[in-house]
Protein backbone atom coordinates (compact mmCIF):
# COMPACT_ATOMS: atom_id res chain seq x y z
CA MET A 1 50.74 109.85 -34.79
CA SER A 2 47.30 108.29 -33.64
CA ILE A 3 45.24 110.07 -31.01
CA ALA A 4 44.90 106.64 -29.25
CA ALA A 5 48.70 106.31 -28.94
CA ASN A 6 48.96 109.71 -27.63
CA VAL A 7 46.14 109.20 -25.11
CA VAL A 8 47.75 106.05 -23.89
CA ILE A 9 51.15 107.77 -23.51
CA ALA A 10 49.57 110.54 -21.67
CA VAL A 11 47.85 108.20 -19.24
CA ILE A 12 51.23 106.40 -18.71
CA ALA A 13 52.86 109.65 -17.94
CA LEU A 14 50.17 110.54 -15.45
CA LEU A 15 50.57 107.23 -13.82
CA HIS A 16 54.26 107.80 -13.46
CA LEU A 17 53.66 111.21 -12.07
CA TRP A 18 51.27 109.60 -9.54
CA PHE A 19 54.14 107.07 -8.63
CA LEU A 20 56.41 110.05 -8.06
CA ILE A 21 53.88 111.49 -5.75
CA LEU A 22 53.31 108.25 -3.83
CA GLU A 23 57.04 107.48 -3.47
CA MET A 24 58.41 110.97 -2.81
CA PHE A 25 55.64 112.52 -0.77
CA LEU A 26 53.19 109.98 0.52
CA TRP A 27 55.51 107.04 1.17
CA THR A 28 55.31 107.33 4.99
CA LYS A 29 51.65 108.54 4.94
CA PRO A 30 48.82 106.05 5.38
CA SER A 31 47.75 106.32 1.59
CA GLY A 32 51.36 105.65 0.50
CA ARG A 33 51.84 102.81 2.93
CA ARG A 34 48.47 101.20 1.84
CA ALA A 35 49.36 101.59 -1.91
CA PHE A 36 52.57 99.57 -1.38
CA GLY A 37 51.48 97.41 1.64
CA THR A 38 54.26 98.63 3.86
CA THR A 39 54.33 99.12 7.72
CA ALA A 40 55.01 102.47 9.27
CA GLU A 41 58.46 101.25 10.35
CA PHE A 42 59.45 99.96 7.07
CA ALA A 43 58.25 103.15 5.28
CA GLU A 44 60.30 105.25 7.65
CA GLN A 45 63.45 103.27 7.16
CA THR A 46 63.14 103.33 3.34
CA LYS A 47 61.78 106.73 2.61
CA ALA A 48 65.07 107.87 1.05
CA LEU A 49 65.19 104.93 -1.27
CA ALA A 50 61.52 105.41 -2.19
CA ALA A 51 62.07 109.18 -2.89
CA ASN A 52 64.92 108.19 -5.22
CA GLN A 53 62.65 105.67 -7.09
CA GLY A 54 59.98 108.36 -7.24
CA LEU A 55 62.38 110.80 -8.82
CA TYR A 56 63.15 108.19 -11.54
CA ASN A 57 59.43 107.78 -12.18
CA GLY A 58 59.22 111.52 -12.59
CA PHE A 59 61.92 111.43 -15.30
CA LEU A 60 59.99 108.80 -17.11
CA ALA A 61 56.85 110.99 -16.96
CA ALA A 62 58.77 114.09 -18.13
CA GLY A 63 60.30 112.13 -21.03
CA LEU A 64 56.83 110.91 -22.14
CA VAL A 65 55.42 114.54 -21.87
CA TRP A 66 58.47 115.85 -23.81
CA GLY A 67 57.66 113.35 -26.68
CA LEU A 68 53.97 114.41 -26.71
CA CYS A 69 54.99 118.07 -26.94
CA LEU A 70 57.19 117.35 -29.77
CA GLY A 71 54.23 115.93 -31.80
CA GLY A 72 55.14 113.74 -34.80
CA ALA A 73 58.94 114.74 -34.34
CA GLY A 74 58.77 113.15 -30.80
CA PHE A 75 58.36 109.40 -32.24
CA TYR A 76 61.68 108.28 -31.14
CA VAL A 77 61.56 110.11 -27.83
CA LYS A 78 58.21 108.39 -27.09
CA VAL A 79 59.53 104.98 -28.19
CA PHE A 80 62.69 105.45 -26.00
CA PHE A 81 60.70 106.32 -22.75
CA LEU A 82 57.98 103.76 -23.38
CA THR A 83 60.75 101.15 -23.74
CA CYS A 84 62.28 102.38 -20.54
CA VAL A 85 58.83 102.04 -18.76
CA LEU A 86 58.55 98.54 -20.20
CA VAL A 87 62.00 97.49 -19.07
CA ALA A 88 61.38 98.87 -15.57
CA GLY A 89 58.06 97.22 -15.42
CA ILE A 90 59.39 93.91 -16.45
CA PHE A 91 62.21 94.22 -13.82
CA GLY A 92 59.77 95.27 -11.18
CA GLY A 93 57.40 92.41 -12.11
CA LEU A 94 60.13 89.85 -11.80
CA THR A 95 61.85 91.24 -8.67
CA ALA A 96 59.20 93.06 -6.63
CA SER A 97 55.58 92.27 -7.51
CA ARG A 98 53.89 90.60 -10.39
CA LYS A 99 51.35 93.35 -10.12
CA ILE A 100 53.84 95.72 -11.71
CA LEU A 101 53.68 93.84 -15.02
CA TRP A 102 50.03 94.83 -15.32
CA ILE A 103 50.29 98.37 -13.98
CA GLN A 104 53.43 99.34 -15.74
CA ALA A 105 54.74 96.98 -18.37
CA LEU A 106 51.25 96.24 -20.01
CA PRO A 107 50.43 99.97 -20.72
CA ALA A 108 53.87 100.39 -22.05
CA VAL A 109 53.49 97.52 -24.50
CA VAL A 110 50.05 98.94 -25.59
CA GLY A 111 51.64 102.45 -26.06
CA LEU A 112 54.52 100.84 -28.12
CA VAL A 113 52.06 98.90 -30.39
CA LEU A 114 49.77 101.92 -30.87
CA ILE A 115 52.68 104.16 -31.65
CA HIS A 116 54.08 101.76 -34.33
CA LEU A 117 50.51 101.25 -35.87
CA ALA A 118 49.99 104.97 -36.40
């Protein structure tokens, strides 16, 4: 497994950990509202939904870290979770914000390409 692939996967895992923090703990705070462009009212009304979404992002991060911890034996774990990130990124990009394609889907594509080149 190439170092570049593992670095990209680690960065994606950290991004999803950050998404967990934003959605579960900072959603109603000024930094969370600024990150997602929401009002205080909307954030308060949707905080349970955001926390649920944050939890899923945490599962993605955990899966990627699990794959990294397995080393070479984690190839298929990494591919599975990168594919999950890619699908979530495409869905989010088509339904919520095009920005998600660049923040979530593109890094997953880069990770998948690198892992297959290794």
